[in-house]
Amino acid sequence: MVKPSIAELSKGNTYNRYMLVMMAAKGAKYVTDRENYAKEHADDIDALYGSSNEIEIDFNHKPVKNAIKLFHEGKMLIKLPEETVKAMEEHDKTTLNEEIAE
């Protein structure tokens, strides 16, 4: 079982499982691309270990595990479309108003 759990990654039900799967897939591609670039440019030590302002990746782990770790640490984010953010805000307002009415 991969740690952190889905419940931890969803950050208070902000992200559903589909969003997390897409994040893991795109993040794993990013990690793989970085690893391939580092291997191609192994003579440049900064390319392998990254500069001080870049994300450090442990190439000893699998790409998906690295992507999940980066997301959990807040070094990788999920960018939501504006329509989704607005819909979530409206849903939160409606839910809050219903709770107050009760």
PDB file of N, CA and C in Angstrom:
ATOM      1  N   MET A   1       0.843  -1.171   0.000  1.00  0.00           N
ATOM      2  CA  MET A   1       0.000   0.000   0.000  1.00  0.00           C
ATOM      3  C   MET A   1       0.892   1.239   0.000  1.00  0.00           C
ATOM      4  N   VAL A   2       0.551   2.181  -0.848  1.00  0.00           N
ATOM      5  CA  VAL A   2       1.335   3.399  -0.962  1.00  0.00           C
ATOM      6  C   VAL A   2       0.914   4.377   0.135  1.00  0.00           C
ATOM      7  N   LYS A   3       1.884   4.922   0.791  1.00  0.00           N
ATOM      8  CA  LYS A   3       1.634   5.980   1.772  1.00  0.00           C
ATOM      9  C   LYS A   3       2.032   7.276   1.124  1.00  0.00           C
ATOM     10  N   PRO A   4       1.348   8.324   1.252  1.00  0.00           N
ATOM     11  CA  PRO A   4       0.139   8.596   2.021  1.00  0.00           C
ATOM     12  C   PRO A   4      -1.116   7.993   1.371  1.00  0.00           C
ATOM     13  N   SER A   5      -2.160   7.932   2.156  1.00  0.00           N
ATOM     14  CA  SER A   5      -3.394   7.315   1.681  1.00  0.00           C
ATOM     15  C   SER A   5      -4.151   8.255   0.743  1.00  0.00           C
ATOM     16  N   ILE A   6      -5.165   7.718   0.086  1.00  0.00           N
ATOM     17  CA  ILE A   6      -6.013   8.520  -0.806  1.00  0.00           C
ATOM     18  C   ILE A   6      -6.714   9.613  -0.006  1.00  0.00           C
ATOM     19  N   ALA A   7      -7.139   9.294   1.206  1.00  0.00           N
ATOM     20  CA  ALA A   7      -7.823  10.291   2.035  1.00  0.00           C
ATOM     21  C   ALA A   7      -6.908  11.478   2.328  1.00  0.00           C
ATOM     22  N   GLU A   8      -5.635  11.208   2.597  1.00  0.00           N
ATOM     23  CA  GLU A   8      -4.685  12.290   2.852  1.00  0.00           C
ATOM     24  C   GLU A   8      -4.444  13.102   1.584  1.00  0.00           C
ATOM     25  N   LEU A   9      -4.331  12.430   0.464  1.00  0.00           N
ATOM     26  CA  LEU A   9      -4.048  13.119  -0.794  1.00  0.00           C
ATOM     27  C   LEU A   9      -5.226  13.939  -1.293  1.00  0.00           C
ATOM     28  N   SER A  10      -6.446  13.530  -0.955  1.00  0.00           N
ATOM     29  CA  SER A  10      -7.611  14.256  -1.447  1.00  0.00           C
ATOM     30  C   SER A  10      -7.773  15.612  -0.773  1.00  0.00           C
ATOM     31  N   LYS A  11      -7.033  15.849   0.287  1.00  0.00           N
ATOM     32  CA  LYS A  11      -6.991  17.147   0.978  1.00  0.00           C
ATOM     33  C   LYS A  11      -8.387  17.676   1.276  1.00  0.00           C
ATOM     34  N   GLY A  12      -9.092  16.949   2.113  1.00  0.00           N
ATOM     35  CA  GLY A  12     -10.424  17.381   2.520  1.00  0.00           C
ATOM     36  C   GLY A  12     -11.452  17.306   1.401  1.00  0.00           C
ATOM     37  N   ASN A  13     -11.382  16.277   0.611  1.00  0.00           N
ATOM     38  CA  ASN A  13     -12.298  16.045  -0.512  1.00  0.00           C
ATOM     39  C   ASN A  13     -12.220  17.121  -1.590  1.00  0.00           C
ATOM     40  N   THR A  14     -11.102  17.821  -1.670  1.00  0.00           N
ATOM     41  CA  THR A  14     -10.899  18.800  -2.737  1.00  0.00           C
ATOM     42  C   THR A  14     -10.649  18.078  -4.051  1.00  0.00           C
ATOM     43  N   TYR A  15      -9.911  16.983  -4.000  1.00  0.00           N
ATOM     44  CA  TYR A  15      -9.568  16.228  -5.202  1.00  0.00           C
ATOM     45  C   TYR A  15     -10.206  14.849  -5.137  1.00  0.00           C
ATOM     46  N   ASN A  16     -10.810  14.437  -6.256  1.00  0.00           N
ATOM     47  CA  ASN A  16     -11.385  13.095  -6.291  1.00  0.00           C
ATOM     48  C   ASN A  16     -10.334  12.109  -6.806  1.00  0.00           C
ATOM     49  N   ARG A  17     -10.682  10.846  -6.858  1.00  0.00           N
ATOM     50  CA  ARG A  17      -9.726   9.813  -7.268  1.00  0.00           C
ATOM     51  C   ARG A  17      -9.249  10.011  -8.706  1.00  0.00           C
ATOM     52  N   TYR A  18     -10.144  10.438  -9.578  1.00  0.00           N
ATOM     53  CA  TYR A  18      -9.753  10.664 -10.964  1.00  0.00           C
ATOM     54  C   TYR A  18      -8.661  11.734 -11.044  1.00  0.00           C
ATOM     55  N   MET A  19      -8.838  12.826 -10.322  1.00  0.00           N
ATOM     56  CA  MET A  19      -7.834  13.898 -10.319  1.00  0.00           C
ATOM     57  C   MET A  19      -6.499  13.391  -9.783  1.00  0.00           C
ATOM     58  N   LEU A  20      -6.547  12.554  -8.757  1.00  0.00           N
ATOM     59  CA  LEU A  20      -5.323  12.016  -8.182  1.00  0.00           C
ATOM     60  C   LEU A  20      -4.620  11.062  -9.144  1.00  0.00           C
ATOM     61  N   VAL A  21      -5.395  10.269  -9.881  1.00  0.00           N
ATOM     62  CA  VAL A  21      -4.806   9.357 -10.866  1.00  0.00           C
ATOM     63  C   VAL A  21      -4.141  10.157 -11.978  1.00  0.00           C
ATOM     64  N   MET A  22      -4.812  11.203 -12.442  1.00  0.00           N
ATOM     65  CA  MET A  22      -4.237  12.049 -13.485  1.00  0.00           C
ATOM     66  C   MET A  22      -2.968  12.745 -12.981  1.00  0.00           C
ATOM     67  N   MET A  23      -2.983  13.207 -11.735  1.00  0.00           N
ATOM     68  CA  MET A  23      -1.798  13.836 -11.147  1.00  0.00           C
ATOM     69  C   MET A  23      -0.648  12.838 -11.092  1.00  0.00           C
ATOM     70  N   ALA A  24      -0.935  11.623 -10.671  1.00  0.00           N
ATOM     71  CA  ALA A  24       0.121  10.609 -10.566  1.00  0.00           C
ATOM     72  C   ALA A  24       0.688  10.273 -11.944  1.00  0.00           C
ATOM     73  N   ALA A  25      -0.175  10.164 -12.955  1.00  0.00           N
ATOM     74  CA  ALA A  25       0.287   9.828 -14.301  1.00  0.00           C
ATOM     75  C   ALA A  25       1.125  10.955 -14.903  1.00  0.00           C
ATOM     76  N   LYS A  26       0.623  12.181 -14.814  1.00  0.00           N
ATOM     77  CA  LYS A  26       1.362  13.319 -15.374  1.00  0.00           C
ATOM     78  C   LYS A  26       2.629  13.591 -14.566  1.00  0.00           C
ATOM     79  N   GLY A  27       2.539  13.407 -13.253  1.00  0.00           N
ATOM     80  CA  GLY A  27       3.720  13.583 -12.415  1.00  0.00           C
ATOM     81  C   GLY A  27       4.782  12.542 -12.707  1.00  0.00           C
ATOM     82  N   ALA A  28       4.358  11.299 -12.941  1.00  0.00           N
ATOM     83  CA  ALA A  28       5.305  10.234 -13.275  1.00  0.00           C
ATOM     84  C   ALA A  28       5.981  10.519 -14.612  1.00  0.00           C
ATOM     85  N   LYS A  29       5.237  11.079 -15.565  1.00  0.00           N
ATOM     86  CA  LYS A  29       5.839  11.456 -16.845  1.00  0.00           C
ATOM     87  C   LYS A  29       6.879  12.550 -16.643  1.00  0.00           C
ATOM     88  N   TYR A  30       6.558  13.525 -15.799  1.00  0.00           N
ATOM     89  CA  TYR A  30       7.509  14.597 -15.489  1.00  0.00           C
ATOM     90  C   TYR A  30       8.786  14.022 -14.872  1.00  0.00           C
ATOM     91  N   VAL A  31       8.623  13.125 -13.907  1.00  0.00           N
ATOM     92  CA  VAL A  31       9.771  12.513 -13.230  1.00  0.00           C
ATOM     93  C   VAL A  31      10.604  11.707 -14.228  1.00  0.00           C
ATOM     94  N   THR A  32       9.934  10.938 -15.088  1.00  0.00           N
ATOM     95  CA  THR A  32      10.639  10.142 -16.086  1.00  0.00           C
ATOM     96  C   THR A  32      11.401  11.033 -17.063  1.00  0.00           C
ATOM     97  N   ASP A  33      10.767  12.113 -17.499  1.00  0.00           N
ATOM     98  CA  ASP A  33      11.446  13.049 -18.403  1.00  0.00           C
ATOM     99  C   ASP A  33      12.674  13.668 -17.742  1.00  0.00           C
ATOM    100  N   ARG A  34      12.546  14.026 -16.467  1.00  0.00           N
ATOM    101  CA  ARG A  34      13.687  14.591 -15.736  1.00  0.00           C
ATOM    102  C   ARG A  34      14.810  13.566 -15.610  1.00  0.00           C
ATOM    103  N   GLU A  35      14.445  12.310 -15.348  1.00  0.00           N
ATOM    104  CA  GLU A  35      15.443  11.257 -15.207  1.00  0.00           C
ATOM    105  C   GLU A  35      16.162  11.004 -16.539  1.00  0.00           C
ATOM    106  N   ASN A  36      15.394  10.954 -17.615  1.00  0.00           N
ATOM    107  CA  ASN A  36      16.005  10.756 -18.935  1.00  0.00           C
ATOM    108  C   ASN A  36      16.927  11.908 -19.303  1.00  0.00           C
ATOM    109  N   TYR A  37      16.508  13.130 -19.007  1.00  0.00           N
ATOM    110  CA  TYR A  37      17.342  14.298 -19.285  1.00  0.00           C
ATOM    111  C   TYR A  37      18.640  14.214 -18.482  1.00  0.00           C
ATOM    112  N   ALA A  38      18.519  13.819 -17.212  1.00  0.00           N
ATOM    113  CA  ALA A  38      19.698  13.713 -16.354  1.00  0.00           C
ATOM    114  C   ALA A  38      20.662  12.649 -16.876  1.00  0.00           C
ATOM    115  N   LYS A  39      20.130  11.544 -17.375  1.00  0.00           N
ATOM    116  CA  LYS A  39      20.993  10.483 -17.913  1.00  0.00           C
ATOM    117  C   LYS A  39      21.689  10.932 -19.195  1.00  0.00           C
ATOM    118  N   GLU A  40      20.971  11.680 -20.035  1.00  0.00           N
ATOM    119  CA  GLU A  40      21.562  12.169 -21.277  1.00  0.00           C
ATOM    120  C   GLU A  40      22.653  13.204 -21.036  1.00  0.00           C
ATOM    121  N   HIS A  41      22.508  13.951 -19.952  1.00  0.00           N
ATOM    122  CA  HIS A  41      23.457  15.016 -19.638  1.00  0.00           C
ATOM    123  C   HIS A  41      24.216  14.694 -18.348  1.00  0.00           C
ATOM    124  N   ALA A  42      24.644  13.452 -18.221  1.00  0.00           N
ATOM    125  CA  ALA A  42      25.308  13.004 -16.992  1.00  0.00           C
ATOM    126  C   ALA A  42      26.633  13.716 -16.754  1.00  0.00           C
ATOM    127  N   ASP A  43      27.246  14.263 -17.812  1.00  0.00           N
ATOM    128  CA  ASP A  43      28.515  14.965 -17.629  1.00  0.00           C
ATOM    129  C   ASP A  43      28.306  16.276 -16.868  1.00  0.00           C
ATOM    130  N   ASP A  44      27.098  16.817 -16.917  1.00  0.00           N
ATOM    131  CA  ASP A  44      26.778  18.036 -16.179  1.00  0.00           C
ATOM    132  C   ASP A  44      26.149  17.628 -14.846  1.00  0.00           C
ATOM    133  N   ILE A  45      26.895  17.752 -13.775  1.00  0.00           N
ATOM    134  CA  ILE A  45      26.445  17.281 -12.454  1.00  0.00           C
ATOM    135  C   ILE A  45      25.181  17.997 -11.981  1.00  0.00           C
ATOM    136  N   ASP A  46      24.995  19.270 -12.369  1.00  0.00           N
ATOM    137  CA  ASP A  46      23.786  19.987 -11.978  1.00  0.00           C
ATOM    138  C   ASP A  46      22.551  19.388 -12.633  1.00  0.00           C
ATOM    139  N   ALA A  47      22.689  18.829 -13.840  1.00  0.00           N
ATOM    140  CA  ALA A  47      21.553  18.211 -14.516  1.00  0.00           C
ATOM    141  C   ALA A  47      21.099  16.963 -13.779  1.00  0.00           C
ATOM    142  N   LEU A  48      22.029  16.243 -13.185  1.00  0.00           N
ATOM    143  CA  LEU A  48      21.680  15.016 -12.481  1.00  0.00           C
ATOM    144  C   LEU A  48      21.022  15.301 -11.130  1.00  0.00           C
ATOM    145  N   TYR A  49      21.559  16.245 -10.413  1.00  0.00           N
ATOM    146  CA  TYR A  49      21.037  16.511  -9.071  1.00  0.00           C
ATOM    147  C   TYR A  49      20.160  17.743  -8.998  1.00  0.00           C
ATOM    148  N   GLY A  50      20.054  18.508 -10.060  1.00  0.00           N
ATOM    149  CA  GLY A  50      19.194  19.679 -10.081  1.00  0.00           C
ATOM    150  C   GLY A  50      19.859  20.863  -9.419  1.00  0.00           C
ATOM    151  N   SER A  51      19.437  22.026  -9.832  1.00  0.00           N
ATOM    152  CA  SER A  51      19.971  23.230  -9.206  1.00  0.00           C
ATOM    153  C   SER A  51      19.198  23.511  -7.927  1.00  0.00           C
ATOM    154  N   SER A  52      19.579  24.526  -7.217  1.00  0.00           N
ATOM    155  CA  SER A  52      19.000  24.796  -5.904  1.00  0.00           C
ATOM    156  C   SER A  52      17.522  25.166  -5.974  1.00  0.00           C
ATOM    157  N   ASN A  53      17.053  25.727  -7.103  1.00  0.00           N
ATOM    158  CA  ASN A  53      15.652  26.142  -7.175  1.00  0.00           C
ATOM    159  C   ASN A  53      14.747  25.096  -7.818  1.00  0.00           C
ATOM    160  N   GLU A  54      15.267  23.963  -8.205  1.00  0.00           N
ATOM    161  CA  GLU A  54      14.450  22.929  -8.822  1.00  0.00           C
ATOM    162  C   GLU A  54      14.052  21.863  -7.804  1.00  0.00           C
ATOM    163  N   ILE A  55      13.082  21.064  -8.177  1.00  0.00           N
ATOM    164  CA  ILE A  55      12.595  19.980  -7.332  1.00  0.00           C
ATOM    165  C   ILE A  55      13.623  18.854  -7.333  1.00  0.00           C
ATOM    166  N   GLU A  56      13.958  18.366  -6.151  1.00  0.00           N
ATOM    167  CA  GLU A  56      14.877  17.233  -6.056  1.00  0.00           C
ATOM    168  C   GLU A  56      14.082  15.938  -6.140  1.00  0.00           C
ATOM    169  N   ILE A  57      14.550  15.032  -6.979  1.00  0.00           N
ATOM    170  CA  ILE A  57      13.868  13.761  -7.201  1.00  0.00           C
ATOM    171  C   ILE A  57      14.838  12.633  -6.890  1.00  0.00           C
ATOM    172  N   ASP A  58      14.364  11.652  -6.125  1.00  0.00           N
ATOM    173  CA  ASP A  58      15.165  10.474  -5.822  1.00  0.00           C
ATOM    174  C   ASP A  58      14.916   9.444  -6.928  1.00  0.00           C
ATOM    175  N   PHE A  59      15.892   9.281  -7.823  1.00  0.00           N
ATOM    176  CA  PHE A  59      15.722   8.395  -8.970  1.00  0.00           C
ATOM    177  C   PHE A  59      15.806   6.918  -8.590  1.00  0.00           C
ATOM    178  N   ASN A  60      16.006   6.605  -7.312  1.00  0.00           N
ATOM    179  CA  ASN A  60      16.023   5.211  -6.871  1.00  0.00           C
ATOM    180  C   ASN A  60      14.611   4.665  -6.689  1.00  0.00           C
ATOM    181  N   HIS A  61      13.614   5.549  -6.643  1.00  0.00           N
ATOM    182  CA  HIS A  61      12.218   5.129  -6.485  1.00  0.00           C
ATOM    183  C   HIS A  61      11.518   5.154  -7.836  1.00  0.00           C
ATOM    184  N   LYS A  62      10.392   4.494  -7.901  1.00  0.00           N
ATOM    185  CA  LYS A  62       9.590   4.466  -9.124  1.00  0.00           C
ATOM    186  C   LYS A  62       8.987   5.854  -9.372  1.00  0.00           C
ATOM    187  N   PRO A  63       8.747   6.211 -10.642  1.00  0.00           N
ATOM    188  CA  PRO A  63       8.220   7.539 -10.963  1.00  0.00           C
ATOM    189  C   PRO A  63       6.886   7.875 -10.309  1.00  0.00           C
ATOM    190  N   VAL A  64       5.968   6.913 -10.229  1.00  0.00           N
ATOM    191  CA  VAL A  64       4.664   7.191  -9.613  1.00  0.00           C
ATOM    192  C   VAL A  64       4.835   7.504  -8.126  1.00  0.00           C
ATOM    193  N   LYS A  65       5.692   6.750  -7.449  1.00  0.00           N
ATOM    194  CA  LYS A  65       5.936   6.997  -6.038  1.00  0.00           C
ATOM    195  C   LYS A  65       6.546   8.389  -5.839  1.00  0.00           C
ATOM    196  N   ASN A  66       7.470   8.772  -6.722  1.00  0.00           N
ATOM    197  CA  ASN A  66       8.048  10.107  -6.649  1.00  0.00           C
ATOM    198  C   ASN A  66       6.992  11.186  -6.861  1.00  0.00           C
ATOM    199  N   ALA A  67       6.104  10.989  -7.829  1.00  0.00           N
ATOM    200  CA  ALA A  67       5.056  11.966  -8.113  1.00  0.00           C
ATOM    201  C   ALA A  67       4.122  12.134  -6.921  1.00  0.00           C
ATOM    202  N   ILE A  68       3.725  11.022  -6.304  1.00  0.00           N
ATOM    203  CA  ILE A  68       2.843  11.089  -5.135  1.00  0.00           C
ATOM    204  C   ILE A  68       3.547  11.803  -3.982  1.00  0.00           C
ATOM    205  N   LYS A  69       4.814  11.503  -3.788  1.00  0.00           N
ATOM    206  CA  LYS A  69       5.586  12.148  -2.726  1.00  0.00           C
ATOM    207  C   LYS A  69       5.679  13.658  -2.968  1.00  0.00           C
ATOM    208  N   LEU A  70       5.964  14.053  -4.203  1.00  0.00           N
ATOM    209  CA  LEU A  70       6.062  15.477  -4.530  1.00  0.00           C
ATOM    210  C   LEU A  70       4.735  16.192  -4.313  1.00  0.00           C
ATOM    211  N   PHE A  71       3.632  15.551  -4.680  1.00  0.00           N
ATOM    212  CA  PHE A  71       2.309  16.145  -4.467  1.00  0.00           C
ATOM    213  C   PHE A  71       1.999  16.275  -2.987  1.00  0.00           C
ATOM    214  N   HIS A  72       2.291  15.234  -2.238  1.00  0.00           N
ATOM    215  CA  HIS A  72       2.011  15.248  -0.799  1.00  0.00           C
ATOM    216  C   HIS A  72       2.824  16.321  -0.077  1.00  0.00           C
ATOM    217  N   GLU A  73       4.050  16.552  -0.534  1.00  0.00           N
ATOM    218  CA  GLU A  73       4.910  17.572   0.071  1.00  0.00           C
ATOM    219  C   GLU A  73       4.575  18.980  -0.411  1.00  0.00           C
ATOM    220  N   GLY A  74       3.684  19.104  -1.377  1.00  0.00           N
ATOM    221  CA  GLY A  74       3.293  20.409  -1.888  1.00  0.00           C
ATOM    222  C   GLY A  74       4.225  20.964  -2.954  1.00  0.00           C
ATOM    223  N   LYS A  75       5.111  20.122  -3.473  1.00  0.00           N
ATOM    224  CA  LYS A  75       6.041  20.568  -4.510  1.00  0.00           C
ATOM    225  C   LYS A  75       5.448  20.417  -5.906  1.00  0.00           C
ATOM    226  N   MET A  76       4.341  19.700  -6.004  1.00  0.00           N
ATOM    227  CA  MET A  76       3.623  19.534  -7.258  1.00  0.00           C
ATOM    228  C   MET A  76       2.155  19.824  -6.958  1.00  0.00           C
ATOM    229  N   LEU A  77       1.513  20.593  -7.813  1.00  0.00           N
ATOM    230  CA  LEU A  77       0.134  21.000  -7.578  1.00  0.00           C
ATOM    231  C   LEU A  77      -0.770  20.521  -8.693  1.00  0.00           C
ATOM    232  N   ILE A  78      -2.062  20.457  -8.386  1.00  0.00           N
ATOM    233  CA  ILE A  78      -3.071  20.165  -9.388  1.00  0.00           C
ATOM    234  C   ILE A  78      -3.730  21.489  -9.732  1.00  0.00           C
ATOM    235  N   LYS A  79      -3.644  21.876 -10.990  1.00  0.00           N
ATOM    236  CA  LYS A  79      -4.270  23.116 -11.429  1.00  0.00           C
ATOM    237  C   LYS A  79      -5.647  22.774 -11.972  1.00  0.00           C
ATOM    238  N   LEU A  80      -6.668  23.322 -11.325  1.00  0.00           N
ATOM    239  CA  LEU A  80      -8.042  23.058 -11.733  1.00  0.00           C
ATOM    240  C   LEU A  80      -8.537  24.143 -12.671  1.00  0.00           C
ATOM    241  N   PRO A  81      -9.400  23.791 -13.621  1.00  0.00           N
ATOM    242  CA  PRO A  81      -9.992  24.809 -14.485  1.00  0.00           C
ATOM    243  C   PRO A  81     -10.837  25.782 -13.660  1.00  0.00           C
ATOM    244  N   GLU A  82     -10.951  27.015 -14.142  1.00  0.00           N
ATOM    245  CA  GLU A  82     -11.700  28.040 -13.409  1.00  0.00           C
ATOM    246  C   GLU A  82     -13.147  27.625 -13.164  1.00  0.00           C
ATOM    247  N   GLU A  83     -13.767  26.966 -14.151  1.00  0.00           N
ATOM    248  CA  GLU A  83     -15.161  26.544 -13.998  1.00  0.00           C
ATOM    249  C   GLU A  83     -15.306  25.576 -12.819  1.00  0.00           C
ATOM    250  N   THR A  84     -14.343  24.694 -12.670  1.00  0.00           N
ATOM    251  CA  THR A  84     -14.380  23.722 -11.582  1.00  0.00           C
ATOM    252  C   THR A  84     -14.233  24.414 -10.242  1.00  0.00           C
ATOM    253  N   VAL A  85     -13.318  25.372 -10.160  1.00  0.00           N
ATOM    254  CA  VAL A  85     -13.105  26.105  -8.912  1.00  0.00           C
ATOM    255  C   VAL A  85     -14.366  26.878  -8.536  1.00  0.00           C
ATOM    256  N   LYS A  86     -14.985  27.538  -9.506  1.00  0.00           N
ATOM    257  CA  LYS A  86     -16.217  28.295  -9.239  1.00  0.00           C
ATOM    258  C   LYS A  86     -17.336  27.369  -8.778  1.00  0.00           C
ATOM    259  N   ALA A  87     -17.462  26.220  -9.437  1.00  0.00           N
ATOM    260  CA  ALA A  87     -18.504  25.265  -9.058  1.00  0.00           C
ATOM    261  C   ALA A  87     -18.275  24.745  -7.641  1.00  0.00           C
ATOM    262  N   MET A  88     -17.022  24.506  -7.288  1.00  0.00           N
ATOM    263  CA  MET A  88     -16.707  24.033  -5.935  1.00  0.00           C
ATOM    264  C   MET A  88     -17.029  25.102  -4.907  1.00  0.00           C
ATOM    265  N   GLU A  89     -16.709  26.364  -5.219  1.00  0.00           N
ATOM    266  CA  GLU A  89     -17.014  27.457  -4.298  1.00  0.00           C
ATOM    267  C   GLU A  89     -18.517  27.608  -4.104  1.00  0.00           C
ATOM    268  N   GLU A  90     -19.287  27.526  -5.202  1.00  0.00           N
ATOM    269  CA  GLU A  90     -20.747  27.610  -5.117  1.00  0.00           C
ATOM    270  C   GLU A  90     -21.307  26.460  -4.291  1.00  0.00           C
ATOM    271  N   HIS A  91     -20.764  25.270  -4.486  1.00  0.00           N
ATOM    272  CA  HIS A  91     -21.220  24.106  -3.725  1.00  0.00           C
ATOM    273  C   HIS A  91     -20.939  24.311  -2.244  1.00  0.00           C
ATOM    274  N   ASP A  92     -19.757  24.841  -1.918  1.00  0.00           N
ATOM    275  CA  ASP A  92     -19.417  25.092  -0.516  1.00  0.00           C
ATOM    276  C   ASP A  92     -20.350  26.122   0.104  1.00  0.00           C
ATOM    277  N   LYS A  93     -20.686  27.185  -0.647  1.00  0.00           N
ATOM    278  CA  LYS A  93     -21.595  28.208  -0.135  1.00  0.00           C
ATOM    279  C   LYS A  93     -22.977  27.626   0.108  1.00  0.00           C
ATOM    280  N   THR A  94     -23.455  26.809  -0.838  1.00  0.00           N
ATOM    281  CA  THR A  94     -24.778  26.191  -0.710  1.00  0.00           C
ATOM    282  C   THR A  94     -24.802  25.261   0.495  1.00  0.00           C
ATOM    283  N   THR A  95     -23.770  24.472   0.656  1.00  0.00           N
ATOM    284  CA  THR A  95     -23.690  23.541   1.792  1.00  0.00           C
ATOM    285  C   THR A  95     -23.664  24.303   3.104  1.00  0.00           C
ATOM    286  N   LEU A  96     -22.900  25.391   3.156  1.00  0.00           N
ATOM    287  CA  LEU A  96     -22.811  26.195   4.367  1.00  0.00           C
ATOM    288  C   LEU A  96     -24.158  26.820   4.706  1.00  0.00           C
ATOM    289  N   ASN A  97     -24.854  27.349   3.696  1.00  0.00           N
ATOM    290  CA  ASN A  97     -26.173  27.946   3.921  1.00  0.00           C
ATOM    291  C   ASN A  97     -27.182  26.918   4.396  1.00  0.00           C
ATOM    292  N   GLU A  98     -27.114  25.699   3.866  1.00  0.00           N
ATOM    293  CA  GLU A  98     -28.016  24.629   4.317  1.00  0.00           C
ATOM    294  C   GLU A  98     -27.750  24.257   5.760  1.00  0.00           C
ATOM    295  N   GLU A  99     -26.483  24.229   6.150  1.00  0.00           N
ATOM    296  CA  GLU A  99     -26.138  23.892   7.542  1.00  0.00           C
ATOM    297  C   GLU A  99     -26.606  24.985   8.492  1.00  0.00           C
ATOM    298  N   ILE A 100     -26.496  26.241   8.084  1.00  0.00           N
ATOM    299  CA  ILE A 100     -26.942  27.353   8.931  1.00  0.00           C
ATOM    300  C   ILE A 100     -28.455  27.321   9.074  1.00  0.00           C
ATOM    301  N   ALA A 101     -29.183  26.991   8.004  1.00  0.00           N
ATOM    302  CA  ALA A 101     -30.639  26.955   8.025  1.00  0.00           C
ATOM    303  C   ALA A 101     -31.175  25.881   8.966  1.00  0.00           C
ATOM    304  N   GLU A 102     -30.413  24.816   9.125  1.00  0.00           N
ATOM    305  CA  GLU A 102     -30.876  23.715   9.983  1.00  0.00           C
ATOM    306  C   GLU A 102     -30.724  24.141  11.392  1.00  0.00           C
TER     307      GLU A 102
END
